[in-house]
Amino acid sequence: MIRPHKYMDLKLSIFNLSYIIIHKLKEKNKYPYEDLYRSVSREIEEEGLMELFNLSLTFLYALGKIHYNKDLDVVELLL
């Protein structure tokens, strides 16, 4: 779910996942897509995490915080 509501587990919100992604990218500026997903999925073990992960990446990309290099399949932080 993109918009939070009162019954939503905030741990599974796009904002929380975006925070975790930025935190991971601050440790290591560039991350291969699969490695970043595995790293996030170790912190949040939830069914259907891939969809939320992709929505969070889209959110961060729209804000201009990350860049995806298609040739190398790498996500990098732009802060």
N, C-alpha and C. Protein backbone atom coordinates (compact mmCIF):
# COMPACT_ATOMS: atom_id res chain seq x y z
N MET A 1 0.83 -1.18 0.00
CA MET A 1 0.00 0.00 0.00
C MET A 1 0.88 1.24 0.00
N ILE A 2 0.60 2.15 -0.86
CA ILE A 2 1.42 3.35 -0.96
C ILE A 2 1.10 4.33 0.16
N ARG A 3 -0.18 4.61 0.37
CA ARG A 3 -0.56 5.56 1.42
C ARG A 3 -0.78 4.83 2.73
N PRO A 4 -0.18 5.29 3.82
CA PRO A 4 -0.40 4.64 5.10
C PRO A 4 -1.81 4.90 5.63
N HIS A 5 -2.30 3.95 6.40
CA HIS A 5 -3.59 4.10 7.06
C HIS A 5 -3.46 3.57 8.48
N LYS A 6 -4.46 3.74 9.30
CA LYS A 6 -4.31 3.44 10.72
C LYS A 6 -4.15 1.96 11.02
N TYR A 7 -4.49 1.08 10.11
CA TYR A 7 -4.34 -0.35 10.35
C TYR A 7 -3.05 -0.92 9.74
N MET A 8 -2.29 -0.09 9.11
CA MET A 8 -1.08 -0.53 8.41
C MET A 8 0.08 -0.70 9.38
N ASP A 9 0.86 -1.72 9.15
CA ASP A 9 2.10 -1.91 9.89
C ASP A 9 3.12 -0.94 9.29
N LEU A 10 3.52 0.06 10.06
CA LEU A 10 4.41 1.10 9.53
C LEU A 10 5.79 0.56 9.15
N LYS A 11 6.15 -0.58 9.68
CA LYS A 11 7.41 -1.22 9.30
C LYS A 11 7.41 -1.57 7.81
N LEU A 12 6.21 -1.77 7.26
CA LEU A 12 6.08 -2.15 5.86
C LEU A 12 5.66 -0.99 4.96
N SER A 13 5.86 0.24 5.42
CA SER A 13 5.50 1.39 4.60
C SER A 13 6.65 1.71 3.63
N ILE A 14 6.31 2.39 2.57
CA ILE A 14 7.31 2.80 1.58
C ILE A 14 8.33 3.75 2.20
N PHE A 15 7.88 4.56 3.14
CA PHE A 15 8.78 5.51 3.78
C PHE A 15 9.83 4.79 4.62
N ASN A 16 9.43 3.78 5.35
CA ASN A 16 10.38 3.01 6.15
C ASN A 16 11.35 2.24 5.25
N LEU A 17 10.84 1.60 4.21
CA LEU A 17 11.72 0.88 3.29
C LEU A 17 12.68 1.84 2.58
N SER A 18 12.21 3.02 2.24
CA SER A 18 13.08 4.02 1.61
C SER A 18 14.20 4.43 2.56
N TYR A 19 13.85 4.59 3.84
CA TYR A 19 14.86 4.91 4.84
C TYR A 19 15.92 3.80 4.92
N ILE A 20 15.48 2.57 4.94
CA ILE A 20 16.42 1.44 5.02
C ILE A 20 17.31 1.39 3.78
N ILE A 21 16.73 1.64 2.61
CA ILE A 21 17.51 1.63 1.36
C ILE A 21 18.57 2.73 1.39
N ILE A 22 18.18 3.94 1.80
CA ILE A 22 19.14 5.04 1.88
C ILE A 22 20.24 4.72 2.89
N HIS A 23 19.86 4.14 4.01
CA HIS A 23 20.84 3.76 5.03
C HIS A 23 21.85 2.75 4.47
N LYS A 24 21.36 1.77 3.73
CA LYS A 24 22.25 0.77 3.10
C LYS A 24 23.16 1.43 2.07
N LEU A 25 22.61 2.35 1.28
CA LEU A 25 23.40 3.01 0.25
C LEU A 25 24.41 4.00 0.83
N LYS A 26 24.17 4.49 2.04
CA LYS A 26 25.16 5.37 2.68
C LYS A 26 26.36 4.57 3.15
N GLU A 27 26.15 3.31 3.50
CA GLU A 27 27.26 2.44 3.90
C GLU A 27 28.16 2.14 2.71
N LYS A 28 27.54 1.87 1.59
CA LYS A 28 28.25 1.52 0.36
C LYS A 28 27.52 2.24 -0.76
N ASN A 29 28.15 3.20 -1.40
CA ASN A 29 27.48 4.10 -2.34
C ASN A 29 26.77 3.40 -3.49
N LYS A 30 27.33 2.32 -3.99
CA LYS A 30 26.71 1.59 -5.10
C LYS A 30 26.41 0.16 -4.65
N TYR A 31 25.24 -0.30 -5.02
CA TYR A 31 24.80 -1.65 -4.66
C TYR A 31 24.20 -2.31 -5.88
N PRO A 32 24.61 -3.52 -6.21
CA PRO A 32 23.87 -4.26 -7.24
C PRO A 32 22.43 -4.47 -6.77
N TYR A 33 21.49 -4.43 -7.68
CA TYR A 33 20.07 -4.50 -7.36
C TYR A 33 19.74 -5.71 -6.49
N GLU A 34 20.18 -6.89 -6.89
CA GLU A 34 19.87 -8.12 -6.14
C GLU A 34 20.49 -8.10 -4.75
N ASP A 35 21.71 -7.60 -4.63
CA ASP A 35 22.36 -7.53 -3.32
C ASP A 35 21.62 -6.56 -2.39
N LEU A 36 21.17 -5.44 -2.94
CA LEU A 36 20.41 -4.48 -2.14
C LEU A 36 19.10 -5.09 -1.67
N TYR A 37 18.42 -5.81 -2.56
CA TYR A 37 17.16 -6.46 -2.17
C TYR A 37 17.40 -7.50 -1.07
N ARG A 38 18.43 -8.31 -1.23
CA ARG A 38 18.74 -9.32 -0.21
C ARG A 38 19.07 -8.69 1.13
N SER A 39 19.80 -7.60 1.09
CA SER A 39 20.17 -6.90 2.32
C SER A 39 18.94 -6.34 3.03
N VAL A 40 18.02 -5.76 2.28
CA VAL A 40 16.79 -5.23 2.87
C VAL A 40 15.89 -6.37 3.35
N SER A 41 15.83 -7.46 2.60
CA SER A 41 14.96 -8.56 2.99
C SER A 41 15.46 -9.28 4.24
N ARG A 42 16.74 -9.16 4.56
CA ARG A 42 17.25 -9.72 5.82
C ARG A 42 16.71 -8.93 7.01
N GLU A 43 16.52 -7.64 6.83
CA GLU A 43 15.99 -6.80 7.91
C GLU A 43 14.49 -6.93 8.06
N ILE A 44 13.79 -7.02 6.93
CA ILE A 44 12.33 -7.12 6.95
C ILE A 44 11.94 -8.41 6.24
N GLU A 45 11.58 -9.40 7.01
CA GLU A 45 11.16 -10.68 6.44
C GLU A 45 9.64 -10.66 6.30
N GLU A 46 9.19 -10.41 5.10
CA GLU A 46 7.75 -10.27 4.85
C GLU A 46 7.41 -10.82 3.48
N GLU A 47 6.25 -11.46 3.38
CA GLU A 47 5.74 -11.94 2.11
C GLU A 47 5.39 -10.74 1.23
N GLY A 48 5.76 -10.76 -0.03
CA GLY A 48 5.42 -9.67 -0.94
C GLY A 48 6.31 -8.45 -0.78
N LEU A 49 7.50 -8.64 -0.25
CA LEU A 49 8.41 -7.51 -0.04
C LEU A 49 8.92 -6.93 -1.35
N MET A 50 9.02 -7.77 -2.38
CA MET A 50 9.57 -7.32 -3.67
C MET A 50 8.76 -6.14 -4.24
N GLU A 51 7.45 -6.20 -4.15
CA GLU A 51 6.61 -5.12 -4.67
C GLU A 51 6.85 -3.83 -3.89
N LEU A 52 6.90 -3.92 -2.57
CA LEU A 52 7.17 -2.73 -1.75
C LEU A 52 8.57 -2.20 -1.99
N PHE A 53 9.52 -3.10 -2.18
CA PHE A 53 10.90 -2.70 -2.46
C PHE A 53 10.97 -1.90 -3.76
N ASN A 54 10.30 -2.40 -4.80
CA ASN A 54 10.31 -1.71 -6.08
C ASN A 54 9.58 -0.36 -6.01
N LEU A 55 8.50 -0.29 -5.25
CA LEU A 55 7.79 0.98 -5.07
C LEU A 55 8.67 1.98 -4.32
N SER A 56 9.43 1.49 -3.35
CA SER A 56 10.33 2.37 -2.60
C SER A 56 11.46 2.89 -3.49
N LEU A 57 11.99 2.03 -4.35
CA LEU A 57 13.02 2.49 -5.29
C LEU A 57 12.45 3.52 -6.26
N THR A 58 11.22 3.31 -6.72
CA THR A 58 10.57 4.27 -7.60
C THR A 58 10.36 5.60 -6.90
N PHE A 59 9.95 5.55 -5.64
CA PHE A 59 9.76 6.75 -4.83
C PHE A 59 11.07 7.53 -4.70
N LEU A 60 12.16 6.83 -4.37
CA LEU A 60 13.46 7.48 -4.21
C LEU A 60 13.98 8.03 -5.54
N TYR A 61 13.73 7.31 -6.63
CA TYR A 61 14.15 7.76 -7.95
C TYR A 61 13.38 9.03 -8.34
N ALA A 62 12.08 9.06 -8.05
CA ALA A 62 11.26 10.23 -8.38
C ALA A 62 11.71 11.46 -7.58
N LEU A 63 12.20 11.24 -6.37
CA LEU A 63 12.70 12.35 -5.55
C LEU A 63 14.12 12.77 -5.96
N GLY A 64 14.76 12.00 -6.83
CA GLY A 64 16.11 12.32 -7.27
C GLY A 64 17.18 11.93 -6.26
N LYS A 65 16.90 10.95 -5.44
CA LYS A 65 17.85 10.51 -4.41
C LYS A 65 18.73 9.35 -4.85
N ILE A 66 18.25 8.57 -5.84
CA ILE A 66 19.03 7.44 -6.33
C ILE A 66 19.06 7.46 -7.85
N HIS A 67 20.00 6.72 -8.38
CA HIS A 67 20.12 6.53 -9.83
C HIS A 67 20.32 5.05 -10.08
N TYR A 68 19.69 4.54 -11.13
CA TYR A 68 19.83 3.13 -11.50
C TYR A 68 20.62 3.05 -12.79
N ASN A 69 21.75 2.37 -12.75
CA ASN A 69 22.57 2.16 -13.93
C ASN A 69 22.15 0.83 -14.56
N LYS A 70 21.46 0.91 -15.67
CA LYS A 70 20.89 -0.26 -16.32
C LYS A 70 21.97 -1.21 -16.83
N ASP A 71 23.05 -0.68 -17.34
CA ASP A 71 24.11 -1.51 -17.91
C ASP A 71 24.78 -2.38 -16.84
N LEU A 72 25.02 -1.80 -15.67
CA LEU A 72 25.70 -2.53 -14.59
C LEU A 72 24.73 -3.15 -13.60
N ASP A 73 23.43 -2.84 -13.72
CA ASP A 73 22.40 -3.30 -12.78
C ASP A 73 22.75 -2.88 -11.36
N VAL A 74 23.08 -1.58 -11.21
CA VAL A 74 23.54 -1.03 -9.94
C VAL A 74 22.67 0.16 -9.55
N VAL A 75 22.33 0.22 -8.26
CA VAL A 75 21.61 1.36 -7.68
C VAL A 75 22.63 2.19 -6.93
N GLU A 76 22.66 3.51 -7.19
CA GLU A 76 23.62 4.36 -6.49
C GLU A 76 22.94 5.56 -5.87
N LEU A 77 23.49 6.03 -4.76
CA LEU A 77 22.96 7.14 -4.02
C LEU A 77 23.45 8.46 -4.63
N LEU A 78 22.57 9.44 -4.74
CA LEU A 78 22.93 10.73 -5.33
C LEU A 78 23.03 11.86 -4.32
N LEU A 79 22.87 11.58 -3.04
CA LEU A 79 22.90 12.65 -2.03
C LEU A 79 24.22 13.28 -2.03
